[in-house]
Every structure is written in C-alpha cells, then in structure tokens.
Protein backbone atom coordinates (compact mmCIF):
# COMPACT_ATOMS: atom_id res chain seq x y z
CA MET A 1 -33.66 64.04 279.07
CA ASN A 2 -31.41 65.14 277.89
CA HIS A 3 -27.38 66.01 279.43
CA GLU A 4 -27.78 69.02 281.03
CA THR A 5 -30.66 67.74 282.71
CA ALA A 6 -28.89 64.41 284.06
CA MET A 7 -26.21 66.57 284.85
CA ARG A 8 -28.00 69.26 287.13
CA ARG A 9 -29.75 66.34 288.75
CA ALA A 10 -25.52 65.02 289.47
CA ILE A 11 -24.72 68.40 290.78
CA ARG A 12 -27.68 69.15 292.89
CA LEU A 13 -27.06 65.77 294.22
CA SER A 14 -23.42 66.49 295.06
CA ILE A 15 -24.26 69.99 296.96
CA GLU A 16 -27.71 68.89 298.69
CA LYS A 17 -26.19 65.31 299.78
CA MET A 18 -22.92 67.15 301.10
CA GLU A 19 -24.57 69.67 303.11
CA ALA A 20 -26.63 67.33 304.40
CA GLY A 21 -23.43 65.89 305.93
CA GLU A 22 -23.43 62.70 304.16
CA GLY A 23 -19.82 63.36 302.83
CA GLY A 24 -17.84 65.22 300.34
CA PRO A 25 -19.39 67.40 297.27
CA PHE A 26 -19.50 64.58 294.95
CA GLY A 27 -23.01 63.03 292.98
CA ALA A 28 -23.98 60.72 290.13
CA VAL A 29 -26.90 59.69 288.19
CA ILE A 30 -27.56 56.68 285.78
CA VAL A 31 -29.56 57.29 283.03
CA LYS A 32 -30.98 54.47 280.44
CA ASP A 33 -33.47 54.84 277.84
CA GLY A 34 -34.04 58.82 278.35
CA GLU A 35 -34.61 57.68 282.46
CA ILE A 36 -32.67 58.28 285.48
CA ILE A 37 -32.54 54.51 286.54
CA ALA A 38 -30.00 55.42 289.72
CA GLU A 39 -28.58 57.78 291.79
CA GLY A 40 -25.56 57.99 293.95
CA TRP A 41 -23.30 60.24 296.10
CA ASN A 42 -20.69 60.71 298.03
CA ARG A 43 -20.83 58.86 301.84
CA VAL A 44 -17.28 58.09 302.44
CA THR A 45 -17.37 59.68 305.57
CA SER A 46 -21.21 58.87 306.60
CA THR A 47 -20.91 55.49 305.97
CA ASN A 48 -16.88 54.77 307.11
CA ASP A 49 -16.64 53.35 303.79
CA PRO A 50 -13.81 54.62 301.53
CA THR A 51 -15.33 53.46 298.41
CA ALA A 52 -18.49 55.11 299.04
CA HIS A 53 -17.60 56.97 295.80
CA ALA A 54 -21.06 58.73 293.81
CA GLU A 55 -20.02 57.09 290.92
CA MET A 56 -19.89 53.30 293.15
CA GLU A 57 -23.24 54.24 294.24
CA ALA A 58 -24.98 54.63 291.33
CA ILE A 59 -23.86 52.10 289.64
CA ARG A 60 -24.62 49.61 292.93
CA ALA A 61 -28.18 51.09 292.82
CA ALA A 62 -28.07 50.76 288.72
CA CYS A 63 -27.35 47.28 288.67
CA ARG A 64 -29.71 45.79 291.35
CA ARG A 65 -32.95 47.60 289.82
CA LEU A 66 -31.42 46.00 286.12
CA GLY A 67 -30.57 42.54 288.00
CA SER A 68 -27.75 42.89 285.86
CA HIS A 69 -23.78 43.58 286.52
CA SER A 70 -24.18 44.82 282.94
CA LEU A 71 -25.08 49.23 282.54
CA GLU A 72 -24.44 48.40 278.36
CA GLY A 73 -26.72 51.11 276.87
CA ALA A 74 -26.61 53.35 279.64
CA THR A 75 -24.79 56.52 280.93
CA ILE A 76 -23.22 58.23 283.72
CA TYR A 77 -23.58 61.73 285.04
CA THR A 78 -20.59 62.62 287.67
CA SER A 79 -19.86 65.83 289.19
CA CYS A 80 -16.47 65.24 289.33
CA GLU A 81 -14.01 63.65 286.37
CA PRO A 82 -13.88 60.05 287.96
CA CYS A 83 -11.07 58.54 290.00
CA PRO A 84 -9.25 56.17 289.08
CA MET A 85 -11.37 53.64 291.07
CA CYS A 86 -14.98 54.72 289.65
CA PHE A 87 -12.99 54.84 286.28
CA ALA A 88 -12.78 51.36 286.56
CA ALA A 89 -15.90 50.79 288.01
CA ILE A 90 -17.27 52.47 285.08
CA TYR A 91 -15.60 50.12 282.43
CA TRP A 92 -16.49 46.75 284.99
CA ALA A 93 -20.21 47.81 284.45
CA ARG A 94 -19.68 48.45 280.70
CA LEU A 95 -21.21 51.81 280.70
CA ASP A 96 -21.84 53.25 277.53
CA ALA A 97 -20.57 57.23 277.81
CA VAL A 98 -19.65 59.28 281.31
CA HIS A 99 -20.55 62.84 281.44
CA TYR A 100 -18.63 64.95 283.87
CA GLY A 101 -18.33 68.54 285.51
CA ASN A 102 -15.19 68.97 287.48
CA ASP A 103 -12.14 67.71 286.41
CA HIS A 104 -10.07 65.30 288.62
CA LYS A 105 -7.24 68.52 288.93
CA ALA A 106 -10.10 70.29 290.47
CA ALA A 107 -10.87 67.82 292.83
CA GLY A 108 -7.13 67.61 294.31
CA ALA A 109 -6.99 71.45 294.12
CA ILE A 110 -10.11 71.10 297.07
CA GLY A 111 -8.28 68.44 299.00
CA PHE A 112 -9.04 64.87 297.36
CA ASP A 113 -6.58 62.47 296.43
CA ASP A 114 -8.08 62.44 292.69
CA GLU A 115 -4.58 64.09 291.25
CA PHE A 116 -2.04 61.67 293.04
CA LEU A 117 -4.12 58.36 292.36
CA TYR A 118 -3.81 59.16 288.75
CA LEU A 119 -0.08 60.09 289.07
CA GLU A 120 0.17 57.18 290.93
CA LEU A 121 -0.82 54.79 288.73
CA ALA A 122 2.32 55.94 286.37
CA VAL A 123 4.67 55.37 289.18
CA PRO A 124 6.59 52.06 288.58
CA MET A 125 4.86 48.87 291.40
CA GLU A 126 8.16 48.99 293.60
CA GLN A 127 8.28 52.67 293.66
CA ARG A 128 4.95 53.25 294.81
CA ARG A 129 4.23 54.87 298.24
CA VAL A 130 1.78 51.45 299.24
CA ARG A 131 3.97 48.45 298.39
CA PHE A 132 2.88 45.91 296.54
CA THR A 133 4.11 42.07 296.74
CA CYS A 134 3.05 39.07 294.87
CA THR A 135 2.80 36.37 297.11
CA LEU A 136 2.01 32.36 296.27
CA PRO A 137 1.24 33.09 292.71
CA ASP A 138 1.56 29.01 292.23
CA GLU A 139 -0.95 28.41 294.63
CA ALA A 140 -2.76 31.49 293.37
CA LYS A 141 -3.30 30.31 290.10
CA GLU A 142 -5.06 27.35 290.98
CA GLY A 143 -8.17 29.78 291.51
CA PHE A 144 -7.64 30.90 288.22
CA ASP A 145 -7.74 27.50 286.31
CA ARG A 146 -11.02 26.29 288.41
CA TRP A 147 -12.48 29.43 286.73
CA MET A 148 -11.24 28.10 283.13
CA ALA A 149 -12.38 24.71 283.91
CA LYS A 150 -16.04 26.09 285.58
CA ALA A 151 -18.49 24.52 283.00
CA ASP A 152 -20.84 26.78 284.33
CA LYS A 153 -19.29 29.90 284.90
CA VAL A 154 -20.90 33.63 283.82
CA ALA A 155 -18.54 34.94 281.85
CA TYR A 156 -18.12 39.25 282.57
C-alpha cells in the first residue's frame, strides 16, 4: 500500500465520520507490512471522551489487534498533524513514522485547541492555564521504588 492510498483512507474517514455525527473532522489509519491494521476517527463528542481522537482510537485498535503495546514497524496516516496528546501516544506506541494532512495551525484556525496546546507546552509550569502542583512526592516514590524492584515487570 502506498502513502497516498493510506492517507486518502484517513482523509475519507475524517469526512465520513464527521458527517455521520461521530465527532470532529479527523481520521487515522495504521499500516504495517503494507496492510491497514487499524482505523480510527474522532469520537470525542459521540462518546463524551476527550481522549477519543482519531490517532488514539487507531493506536488502541492496532494494539488490540496485534496483542502488543508496541507498534514498531508501523506507520500512522492521519488527516491532521497530531495534537500533543496523540504526539506522545505515537511515541509511546513506538510507531516508526507519521504522515499527516492538515497541520496544527490549520486545526487552530477552525477552532480546535491544537495550536494553544503546542504553545502551552512552552509556558513555564507555574504560568500555565491549568495549575500543576507536586503533592506528596516522597510517598509517591514508593510506587517507583517497587517498580524498580519488581522482578517480573514488563519494561516499556
């Protein structure tokens, strides 16, 4: 499967599912070994789940299909440049490459928070719109200590 075919499927999903009332105009497909192994589309408003972005949905479906948390060797095609949440999930999933259609500035221009979120990441933590407070770090460290000592952990 070539890049254009996969990208056209992601774009088609973004339009079809948006018009069907599933959510915003975002679609994604994941390709591995020349085959689409998963599809996703924005379902934020239809599921009341702010994490139900097209990329997240496609990553979840691909991981379920492969029975693995790693998508090494796979490529994601998405109708829009991933937001910071999806960007991070792409790295966590170990995808090899990302192809996107619209960029985050275009998403911002039609009312989505992508541009704001990219800018917010550069703001010092104490000046961000949402307050972040480190609370009970010494107690929280116990979980990390136990993880380090866990003999049967699955590293990721």
